[in-house]
N, C-alpha and C. Protein backbone atom coordinates (compact mmCIF):
# COMPACT_ATOMS: atom_id res chain seq x y z
N MET A 1 0.77 -1.13 0.13
CA MET A 1 0.29 -0.15 -0.13
C MET A 1 0.89 1.23 0.14
N ILE A 2 0.29 2.28 -0.49
CA ILE A 2 1.17 3.76 -0.50
C ILE A 2 1.06 4.31 0.51
N ASP A 3 2.41 4.65 1.41
CA ASP A 3 2.43 5.24 2.44
C ASP A 3 1.84 6.74 2.57
N THR A 4 1.38 7.38 1.59
CA THR A 4 1.06 8.82 1.77
C THR A 4 -0.56 8.88 0.93
N LEU A 5 -1.09 9.48 1.46
CA LEU A 5 -2.70 9.64 0.81
C LEU A 5 -2.78 10.95 0.53
N LYS A 6 -3.37 11.33 -1.07
CA LYS A 6 -3.55 12.56 -1.52
C LYS A 6 -5.01 13.04 -0.84
N ILE A 7 -5.02 14.26 -0.22
CA ILE A 7 -6.10 14.60 0.54
C ILE A 7 -6.64 16.15 -0.44
N GLY A 8 -5.79 16.68 -1.17
CA GLY A 8 -6.00 17.70 -1.77
C GLY A 8 -4.99 18.13 -2.98
N LEU A 9 -5.51 18.96 -3.89
CA LEU A 9 -4.95 19.68 -5.20
C LEU A 9 -4.69 21.00 -4.95
N ILE A 10 -3.62 21.56 -5.02
CA ILE A 10 -3.27 22.91 -4.86
C ILE A 10 -3.56 23.43 -6.23
N VAL A 11 -4.72 24.48 -6.05
CA VAL A 11 -5.40 25.00 -7.42
C VAL A 11 -4.43 26.53 -7.88
N LYS A 12 -4.21 26.97 -6.48
CA LYS A 12 -3.59 28.34 -7.15
C LYS A 12 -3.30 28.82 -5.63
N PRO A 13 -2.30 30.22 -5.71
CA PRO A 13 -2.29 30.82 -4.64
C PRO A 13 -3.34 31.71 -4.21
N GLN A 14 -3.39 31.99 -3.16
CA GLN A 14 -4.71 33.01 -2.57
C GLN A 14 -3.95 34.18 -1.84
N GLY A 15 -4.13 35.23 -2.40
CA GLY A 15 -3.72 36.46 -1.68
C GLY A 15 -1.90 36.47 -1.66
N ILE A 16 -1.51 37.46 -0.96
CA ILE A 16 -0.17 38.15 -1.11
C ILE A 16 0.77 37.36 -0.09
N ARG A 17 0.03 36.66 0.91
CA ARG A 17 0.93 36.06 2.18
C ARG A 17 1.23 34.53 2.11
N GLY A 18 0.92 33.99 0.87
CA GLY A 18 1.30 32.81 0.64
C GLY A 18 0.39 31.58 1.02
N GLU A 19 -0.62 31.97 1.28
CA GLU A 19 -1.76 30.93 1.08
C GLU A 19 -2.04 30.34 0.02
N LEU A 20 -2.33 28.80 0.08
CA LEU A 20 -2.72 28.27 -1.09
C LEU A 20 -4.26 27.71 -1.14
N LYS A 21 -4.72 27.92 -2.14
CA LYS A 21 -6.16 27.38 -2.34
C LYS A 21 -6.34 26.02 -2.83
N VAL A 22 -6.94 24.99 -2.02
CA VAL A 22 -6.90 23.88 -2.23
C VAL A 22 -8.06 23.27 -2.38
N GLN A 23 -8.29 22.12 -3.57
CA GLN A 23 -9.60 21.64 -3.75
C GLN A 23 -9.66 20.28 -3.09
N PRO A 24 -10.14 20.19 -2.03
CA PRO A 24 -10.35 18.73 -1.29
C PRO A 24 -10.35 17.65 -2.29
N LEU A 25 -9.70 16.44 -1.70
CA LEU A 25 -10.16 15.19 -2.51
C LEU A 25 -10.46 14.19 -1.58
N THR A 26 -11.10 14.35 -0.53
CA THR A 26 -11.45 13.79 0.69
C THR A 26 -12.92 13.80 0.80
N ASP A 27 -13.64 12.65 1.36
CA ASP A 27 -14.82 13.00 1.45
C ASP A 27 -15.36 13.74 2.55
N ASP A 28 -14.58 14.23 3.43
CA ASP A 28 -14.64 15.14 4.73
C ASP A 28 -13.92 16.20 4.31
N ILE A 29 -14.60 17.35 3.89
CA ILE A 29 -13.64 18.40 4.14
C ILE A 29 -13.23 19.25 5.57
N ASN A 30 -14.04 18.92 6.54
CA ASN A 30 -13.62 19.21 7.82
C ASN A 30 -12.42 18.38 8.51
N ARG A 31 -11.88 17.43 7.59
CA ARG A 31 -10.53 16.88 7.87
C ARG A 31 -9.38 17.93 7.90
N PHE A 32 -9.62 18.75 7.23
CA PHE A 32 -8.67 19.99 7.15
C PHE A 32 -8.45 20.66 8.46
N LYS A 33 -9.42 20.96 9.05
CA LYS A 33 -9.59 21.62 10.41
C LYS A 33 -8.72 21.26 11.43
N ASN A 34 -8.10 20.14 11.24
CA ASN A 34 -7.20 19.69 12.32
C ASN A 34 -5.76 19.26 11.79
N LEU A 35 -5.79 19.82 10.55
CA LEU A 35 -4.29 19.35 9.82
C LEU A 35 -3.24 20.05 10.49
N LYS A 36 -2.10 19.49 10.56
CA LYS A 36 -0.94 19.74 11.47
C LYS A 36 0.22 19.78 10.46
N GLU A 37 0.54 18.91 9.27
CA GLU A 37 1.18 18.92 8.66
C GLU A 37 1.01 18.15 7.16
N VAL A 38 1.81 18.58 6.13
CA VAL A 38 1.24 18.11 4.75
C VAL A 38 2.49 17.74 4.21
N ILE A 39 2.51 17.05 3.05
CA ILE A 39 3.48 16.60 2.05
C ILE A 39 3.18 17.30 0.88
N ILE A 40 4.32 17.97 0.26
CA ILE A 40 4.23 18.23 -0.99
C ILE A 40 5.30 17.76 -1.54
N GLU A 41 5.22 16.81 -2.76
CA GLU A 41 6.51 16.50 -3.59
C GLU A 41 7.16 15.38 -2.01
N ASP A 42 8.18 15.64 -2.17
CA ASP A 42 8.83 14.71 -1.08
C ASP A 42 9.22 15.58 0.08
N ASN A 43 8.73 16.86 0.57
CA ASN A 43 8.82 17.63 1.47
C ASN A 43 7.79 17.89 2.21
N THR A 44 7.91 17.94 3.89
CA THR A 44 6.88 18.04 4.90
C THR A 44 7.01 19.57 5.03
N TYR A 45 5.78 20.12 5.47
CA TYR A 45 5.39 21.42 5.87
C TYR A 45 4.30 21.34 6.83
N ARG A 46 4.66 22.19 7.95
CA ARG A 46 3.97 22.58 8.84
C ARG A 46 2.95 23.22 8.62
N VAL A 47 1.55 23.09 8.84
CA VAL A 47 0.28 23.64 8.51
C VAL A 47 0.41 24.95 9.76
N SER A 48 0.17 26.23 9.16
CA SER A 48 -0.16 27.08 10.41
C SER A 48 -1.55 27.41 10.36
N ASN A 49 -2.52 27.43 9.47
CA ASN A 49 -3.83 27.80 9.56
C ASN A 49 -4.67 26.98 8.23
N THR A 50 -5.91 26.72 8.84
CA THR A 50 -6.80 26.45 7.35
C THR A 50 -8.14 26.98 7.38
N VAL A 51 -8.36 27.60 6.39
CA VAL A 51 -10.03 28.07 6.39
C VAL A 51 -10.65 27.32 5.47
N ILE A 52 -11.90 27.06 5.79
CA ILE A 52 -12.91 26.08 4.82
C ILE A 52 -13.60 27.22 3.92
N ALA A 53 -13.67 27.62 2.69
CA ALA A 53 -14.09 28.64 2.01
C ALA A 53 -14.98 27.92 0.61
N GLY A 54 -16.47 27.61 1.33
CA GLY A 54 -16.98 27.16 0.40
C GLY A 54 -16.87 25.49 0.24
N ASN A 55 -16.60 25.02 -0.96
CA ASN A 55 -15.92 23.66 -1.16
C ASN A 55 -14.27 23.64 -1.54
N MET A 56 -14.01 24.74 -1.11
CA MET A 56 -12.41 24.70 -1.19
C MET A 56 -11.75 25.13 0.26
N VAL A 57 -10.39 24.81 0.13
CA VAL A 57 -9.86 25.05 1.62
C VAL A 57 -8.60 26.14 1.00
N LEU A 58 -8.57 26.92 2.18
CA LEU A 58 -7.40 27.84 2.13
C LEU A 58 -6.44 27.34 3.33
N VAL A 59 -4.98 27.22 2.65
CA VAL A 59 -4.05 26.21 3.64
C VAL A 59 -3.06 27.20 3.92
N SER A 60 -2.44 27.65 4.85
CA SER A 60 -1.29 28.57 5.15
C SER A 60 -0.23 27.27 5.75
N LEU A 61 1.17 27.70 5.32
CA LEU A 61 2.18 26.64 5.57
C LEU A 61 3.14 27.57 6.36
N ASP A 62 3.87 27.16 7.43
CA ASP A 62 4.62 27.88 8.15
C ASP A 62 5.83 28.82 7.03
N SER A 63 6.27 27.88 6.31
CA SER A 63 7.64 28.34 5.51
C SER A 63 7.34 29.04 4.06
N VAL A 64 5.94 29.10 3.88
CA VAL A 64 5.18 29.78 2.67
C VAL A 64 4.74 31.16 2.79
N ILE A 65 5.43 32.20 2.82
CA ILE A 65 4.99 33.46 3.33
C ILE A 65 4.74 34.60 2.32
N ASP A 66 5.00 34.14 1.12
CA ASP A 66 4.74 35.14 -0.26
C ASP A 66 4.12 34.41 -1.43
N ARG A 67 3.21 35.07 -2.13
CA ARG A 67 2.61 34.56 -3.36
C ARG A 67 3.59 33.94 -4.22
N ASN A 68 4.83 34.35 -4.55
CA ASN A 68 5.55 34.13 -5.51
C ASN A 68 6.24 32.52 -4.93
N THR A 69 6.28 32.34 -3.85
CA THR A 69 6.63 31.10 -3.27
C THR A 69 5.45 29.94 -3.32
N ALA A 70 4.27 30.68 -3.11
CA ALA A 70 2.86 29.67 -3.23
C ALA A 70 2.50 29.38 -4.82
N GLU A 71 2.95 30.12 -5.66
CA GLU A 71 2.66 29.88 -6.94
C GLU A 71 3.64 28.62 -7.49
N THR A 72 4.54 28.46 -6.95
CA THR A 72 5.50 27.21 -7.43
C THR A 72 4.77 26.00 -6.91
N PHE A 73 3.82 25.97 -5.92
CA PHE A 73 2.99 24.85 -5.40
C PHE A 73 1.74 24.45 -6.34
N ARG A 74 1.39 25.20 -7.44
CA ARG A 74 0.20 25.23 -8.23
C ARG A 74 0.29 23.85 -8.88
N GLY A 75 -0.89 23.20 -8.94
CA GLY A 75 -1.02 21.89 -9.51
C GLY A 75 -0.37 20.94 -8.79
N LYS A 76 0.24 20.99 -7.53
CA LYS A 76 0.82 19.82 -6.73
C LYS A 76 -0.18 19.39 -5.61
N PHE A 77 0.15 18.09 -5.68
CA PHE A 77 -0.99 17.56 -4.35
C PHE A 77 -0.45 17.85 -2.95
N LEU A 78 -1.55 17.93 -2.16
CA LEU A 78 -1.30 17.86 -0.66
C LEU A 78 -1.41 16.41 -0.38
N ARG A 79 -0.36 15.80 0.38
CA ARG A 79 -0.52 14.47 0.88
C ARG A 79 -0.20 14.32 2.37
N VAL A 80 -0.83 13.31 2.93
CA VAL A 80 -0.79 13.07 4.34
C VAL A 80 -0.20 11.65 4.71
N THR A 81 0.55 11.45 5.67
CA THR A 81 1.31 10.04 5.94
C THR A 81 -0.31 9.29 6.63
N ARG A 82 -0.21 7.93 6.25
CA ARG A 82 -1.34 7.01 6.72
C ARG A 82 -1.55 7.56 8.32
N GLU A 83 -0.30 7.45 8.99
CA GLU A 83 -0.65 7.81 10.43
C GLU A 83 -1.61 9.11 10.71
N ASN A 84 -1.41 10.15 9.76
CA ASN A 84 -2.03 11.33 10.00
C ASN A 84 -3.48 11.30 9.37
N ALA A 85 -3.76 10.36 8.50
CA ALA A 85 -4.97 10.08 7.91
C ALA A 85 -6.25 9.95 8.95
N ILE A 86 -7.44 10.48 8.51
CA ILE A 86 -8.52 10.51 9.26
C ILE A 86 -8.97 8.77 9.30
N PRO A 87 -9.36 8.47 10.63
CA PRO A 87 -9.43 6.93 10.53
C PRO A 87 -10.99 6.63 9.89
N LEU A 88 -10.84 5.33 9.11
CA LEU A 88 -12.04 5.15 8.37
C LEU A 88 -13.02 4.13 9.31
N GLN A 89 -14.19 4.56 8.82
CA GLN A 89 -15.07 3.55 9.44
C GLN A 89 -15.10 2.07 8.78
N GLU A 90 -15.65 1.04 9.57
CA GLU A 90 -15.50 -0.34 9.12
C GLU A 90 -16.30 -0.26 7.56
N GLY A 91 -15.70 -1.23 6.69
CA GLY A 91 -16.21 -0.87 5.25
C GLY A 91 -15.71 0.06 4.64
N ARG A 92 -15.00 0.81 4.85
CA ARG A 92 -14.59 1.99 3.95
C ARG A 92 -13.18 2.04 3.81
N TYR A 93 -12.89 2.21 2.59
CA TYR A 93 -11.50 2.41 2.09
C TYR A 93 -11.09 3.51 1.44
N PHE A 94 -9.56 3.59 1.25
CA PHE A 94 -8.96 4.76 0.57
C PHE A 94 -9.01 4.53 -0.82
N ILE A 95 -9.20 5.45 -1.66
CA ILE A 95 -9.36 5.00 -3.23
C ILE A 95 -8.07 4.55 -3.63
N THR A 96 -7.13 5.08 -3.16
CA THR A 96 -5.64 4.71 -3.53
C THR A 96 -5.24 2.93 -3.22
N ASP A 97 -6.05 2.71 -2.10
CA ASP A 97 -5.95 1.13 -1.72
C ASP A 97 -6.71 0.43 -2.77
N ILE A 98 -7.90 0.87 -3.19
CA ILE A 98 -8.91 0.20 -4.36
C ILE A 98 -8.17 0.32 -5.56
N ILE A 99 -7.62 1.17 -6.21
CA ILE A 99 -7.04 1.18 -7.52
C ILE A 99 -5.77 0.16 -7.45
N GLY A 100 -5.97 -0.81 -8.34
CA GLY A 100 -4.75 -1.82 -8.46
C GLY A 100 -5.26 -3.11 -8.02
N CYS A 101 -6.49 -3.11 -7.47
CA CYS A 101 -7.18 -4.62 -6.95
C CYS A 101 -7.58 -5.10 -7.98
N ALA A 102 -7.33 -6.45 -7.96
CA ALA A 102 -7.87 -7.67 -9.05
C ALA A 102 -9.62 -7.72 -8.76
N LEU A 103 -10.26 -7.59 -9.90
CA LEU A 103 -11.57 -7.90 -9.89
C LEU A 103 -11.88 -9.40 -10.16
N MET A 104 -12.57 -9.93 -9.13
CA MET A 104 -12.95 -11.52 -9.14
C MET A 104 -14.04 -11.59 -9.43
N VAL A 105 -14.57 -12.85 -9.87
CA VAL A 105 -15.50 -13.38 -9.94
C VAL A 105 -15.40 -14.85 -10.31
N GLU A 106 -16.19 -15.46 -9.17
CA GLU A 106 -16.12 -16.99 -9.27
C GLU A 106 -14.55 -17.49 -9.01
N GLU A 107 -13.85 -16.73 -8.56
CA GLU A 107 -12.18 -17.12 -8.17
C GLU A 107 -11.58 -16.86 -9.38
N GLN A 108 -11.90 -16.30 -10.45
CA GLN A 108 -11.30 -15.94 -11.61
C GLN A 108 -11.03 -14.42 -11.80
N LYS A 109 -9.88 -13.92 -12.15
CA LYS A 109 -9.67 -12.53 -12.40
C LYS A 109 -10.30 -12.25 -13.65
N ILE A 110 -11.11 -11.24 -13.71
CA ILE A 110 -11.61 -10.63 -14.89
C ILE A 110 -11.18 -9.28 -15.34
N GLY A 111 -10.22 -8.45 -14.17
CA GLY A 111 -9.67 -7.37 -14.69
C GLY A 111 -9.25 -6.60 -13.31
N GLU A 112 -8.83 -5.57 -13.76
CA GLU A 112 -8.22 -4.62 -12.36
C GLU A 112 -8.88 -3.37 -12.46
N ILE A 113 -8.81 -2.94 -11.38
CA ILE A 113 -9.47 -1.27 -10.86
C ILE A 113 -8.53 -0.48 -11.39
N ILE A 114 -8.70 0.42 -12.25
CA ILE A 114 -7.82 1.49 -12.73
C ILE A 114 -8.45 2.93 -12.32
N ASP A 115 -9.74 2.95 -11.80
CA ASP A 115 -10.02 4.26 -11.63
C ASP A 115 -11.17 4.03 -10.49
N VAL A 116 -11.54 5.29 -9.72
CA VAL A 116 -12.62 5.35 -8.83
C VAL A 116 -13.02 6.67 -9.12
N PHE A 117 -14.47 6.93 -9.47
CA PHE A 117 -15.23 8.25 -9.75
C PHE A 117 -15.72 8.31 -8.14
N SER A 118 -15.66 9.43 -7.49
CA SER A 118 -16.18 9.51 -6.26
C SER A 118 -17.47 10.46 -6.42
N ALA A 119 -18.69 9.75 -5.98
CA ALA A 119 -19.76 10.53 -6.24
C ALA A 119 -21.08 9.81 -5.16
N ARG A 120 -22.08 10.15 -5.18
CA ARG A 120 -23.05 9.53 -4.29
C ARG A 120 -23.07 8.24 -4.13
N THR A 121 -22.66 7.37 -5.07
CA THR A 121 -22.18 6.09 -5.26
C THR A 121 -20.83 6.24 -6.08
N ASP A 122 -19.97 5.56 -5.43
CA ASP A 122 -18.62 5.40 -6.30
C ASP A 122 -18.95 4.71 -7.38
N ILE A 123 -17.99 5.00 -8.74
CA ILE A 123 -18.29 4.14 -9.91
C ILE A 123 -16.67 3.73 -10.17
N PHE A 124 -16.77 2.28 -10.19
CA PHE A 124 -15.54 1.71 -10.39
C PHE A 124 -15.12 1.64 -11.66
N THR A 125 -13.82 1.82 -12.51
CA THR A 125 -13.68 1.52 -13.68
C THR A 125 -12.48 0.36 -13.85
N VAL A 126 -12.90 -0.66 -14.51
CA VAL A 126 -12.30 -1.85 -14.38
C VAL A 126 -11.55 -2.06 -15.98
N LYS A 127 -10.19 -2.44 -16.09
CA LYS A 127 -9.79 -2.86 -17.27
C LYS A 127 -9.56 -4.37 -17.42
N CYS A 128 -10.58 -4.62 -18.28
CA CYS A 128 -10.84 -6.11 -18.04
C CYS A 128 -9.57 -6.87 -19.08
N LEU A 129 -9.42 -8.15 -18.88
CA LEU A 129 -8.43 -8.90 -19.21
C LEU A 129 -8.64 -9.03 -20.88
N ASP A 130 -9.79 -8.90 -21.44
CA ASP A 130 -9.85 -8.59 -22.82
C ASP A 130 -9.35 -7.66 -23.51
N GLY A 131 -9.02 -6.56 -22.74
CA GLY A 131 -8.84 -4.88 -22.89
C GLY A 131 -10.12 -4.23 -22.94
N LYS A 132 -11.23 -4.72 -22.74
CA LYS A 132 -12.26 -3.52 -22.86
C LYS A 132 -12.33 -2.79 -21.22
N ILE A 133 -12.93 -1.86 -21.23
CA ILE A 133 -13.15 -0.89 -19.93
C ILE A 133 -14.64 -1.24 -19.80
N MET A 134 -14.80 -1.55 -18.20
CA MET A 134 -16.05 -1.83 -17.72
C MET A 134 -16.23 -0.86 -16.50
N ARG A 135 -17.26 -0.32 -16.43
CA ARG A 135 -17.89 0.62 -15.48
C ARG A 135 -18.80 -0.13 -14.48
N PHE A 136 -18.99 -0.04 -13.35
CA PHE A 136 -19.91 -0.18 -12.52
C PHE A 136 -19.81 0.69 -10.93
N PRO A 137 -21.33 0.79 -10.63
CA PRO A 137 -21.43 1.24 -9.32
C PRO A 137 -21.18 0.68 -8.17
N PHE A 138 -20.39 1.21 -7.01
CA PHE A 138 -20.21 0.27 -6.10
C PHE A 138 -21.44 -0.04 -5.18
N LEU A 139 -22.17 -1.16 -5.42
CA LEU A 139 -23.45 -1.36 -4.44
C LEU A 139 -22.81 -2.66 -3.64
N LYS A 140 -23.55 -2.58 -2.53
CA LYS A 140 -22.94 -3.52 -1.62
C LYS A 140 -23.60 -5.07 -1.63
N ASP A 141 -24.47 -5.09 -2.66
CA ASP A 141 -25.09 -6.45 -3.15
C ASP A 141 -24.24 -7.13 -4.22
N ALA A 142 -23.59 -6.06 -4.81
CA ALA A 142 -22.59 -6.58 -6.04
C ALA A 142 -21.38 -7.05 -5.55
N ILE A 143 -20.87 -6.56 -4.40
CA ILE A 143 -19.51 -6.97 -3.67
C ILE A 143 -19.44 -7.99 -2.55
N ILE A 144 -18.72 -8.88 -2.99
CA ILE A 144 -18.73 -10.04 -1.83
C ILE A 144 -17.81 -9.66 -1.02
N ASN A 145 -16.76 -9.40 -1.23
CA ASN A 145 -15.64 -9.19 -0.23
C ASN A 145 -14.63 -8.18 -0.83
N ILE A 146 -13.90 -7.30 -0.19
CA ILE A 146 -12.71 -6.40 -0.50
C ILE A 146 -11.55 -6.54 0.69
N ASP A 147 -10.72 -7.06 -0.33
CA ASP A 147 -9.44 -7.23 0.58
C ASP A 147 -8.15 -6.56 0.11
N VAL A 148 -7.94 -5.18 0.70
CA VAL A 148 -6.99 -4.11 0.19
C VAL A 148 -5.57 -4.81 0.60
N GLN A 149 -5.71 -5.81 1.40
CA GLN A 149 -4.18 -5.99 1.89
C GLN A 149 -3.83 -6.81 0.68
N SER A 150 -4.55 -8.01 0.22
CA SER A 150 -4.42 -8.84 -1.06
C SER A 150 -4.63 -8.34 -2.40
N LYS A 151 -4.90 -7.10 -2.23
CA LYS A 151 -5.37 -6.30 -3.68
C LYS A 151 -6.28 -7.20 -4.17
N LYS A 152 -7.59 -7.65 -3.56
CA LYS A 152 -8.70 -8.39 -4.54
C LYS A 152 -9.82 -7.82 -3.88
N ILE A 153 -10.80 -7.74 -4.79
CA ILE A 153 -12.11 -7.68 -4.86
C ILE A 153 -13.02 -8.51 -5.47
N VAL A 154 -13.89 -9.12 -4.87
CA VAL A 154 -14.80 -10.49 -5.04
C VAL A 154 -15.99 -9.81 -5.45
N ALA A 155 -16.70 -10.08 -6.60
CA ALA A 155 -18.08 -9.70 -6.92
C ALA A 155 -18.93 -10.58 -7.27
N ASN A 156 -20.02 -10.25 -6.80
CA ASN A 156 -21.16 -11.32 -7.13
C ASN A 156 -21.27 -11.28 -8.82
N LYS A 157 -21.23 -12.42 -9.65
CA LYS A 157 -21.47 -12.62 -10.85
C LYS A 157 -22.51 -12.02 -11.75
N LYS A 158 -23.60 -12.35 -11.08
CA LYS A 158 -25.08 -12.29 -11.63
C LYS A 158 -25.40 -10.75 -11.45
N ARG A 159 -25.22 -10.07 -10.18
CA ARG A 159 -25.36 -8.90 -9.93
C ARG A 159 -24.55 -8.02 -10.53
N LEU A 160 -23.19 -8.09 -10.89
CA LEU A 160 -22.29 -7.59 -11.39
C LEU A 160 -22.74 -7.34 -13.20
N SER A 161 -23.15 -8.39 -13.47
CA SER A 161 -23.49 -8.37 -15.10
C SER A 161 -24.59 -7.31 -15.24
N GLU A 162 -25.63 -7.36 -14.13
CA GLU A 162 -26.72 -6.38 -14.09
C GLU A 162 -26.55 -4.98 -13.97
N ILE A 163 -25.61 -4.69 -13.53
CA ILE A 163 -25.22 -3.31 -13.24
C ILE A 163 -24.02 -2.60 -13.89
N SER A 164 -23.21 -3.56 -14.81
CA SER A 164 -22.00 -2.89 -15.22
C SER A 164 -22.07 -2.33 -16.47
N CYS A 165 -21.44 -1.63 -17.12
CA CYS A 165 -21.51 -1.05 -18.49
C CYS A 165 -20.32 -1.07 -19.10
N TYR A 166 -20.10 -1.42 -20.60
CA TYR A 166 -18.62 -1.42 -20.93
C TYR A 166 -18.78 -0.21 -22.14
N GLU A 167 -17.34 0.34 -22.36
CA GLU A 167 -17.29 1.42 -23.04
C GLU A 167 -17.31 0.57 -24.55
N ASP A 168 -17.52 1.21 -25.74
CA ASP A 168 -17.47 0.98 -26.95
C ASP A 168 -16.23 0.99 -27.58
């Protein structure tokens, strides 16, 4: 598993004091309220302040004090270590752990999860062994088991065939 988790995308600098305008990549925007440190590329930065502004977050870092420095972070991801990630409820997973899992039906691999679109119901994108792209909504009655440690997701064959669609 990946040791760090993406929690936001730095969209642009905000103001002249080096604040970063961040698009959250997490289900709970409030997770930014208690943020103490972040990783950008390979460097760790101490967070001095966060402000939730609508669906965006303004993040101030101790060592970023002007707009020019903040500009160098445009388009980069804010990450946290797993230890600093918010705890997940049972049956919840980080998307980064789902991507790369084998999709299994009746003990046979049919493809690999290559993307997850987060919405009210997450949409899984699978690259099938035959090269086709399949998408299906994450529905509890379609998934028998998720084991992110073994990188395997087992689906119910009948239910998966009812809810999946393929690209042309």
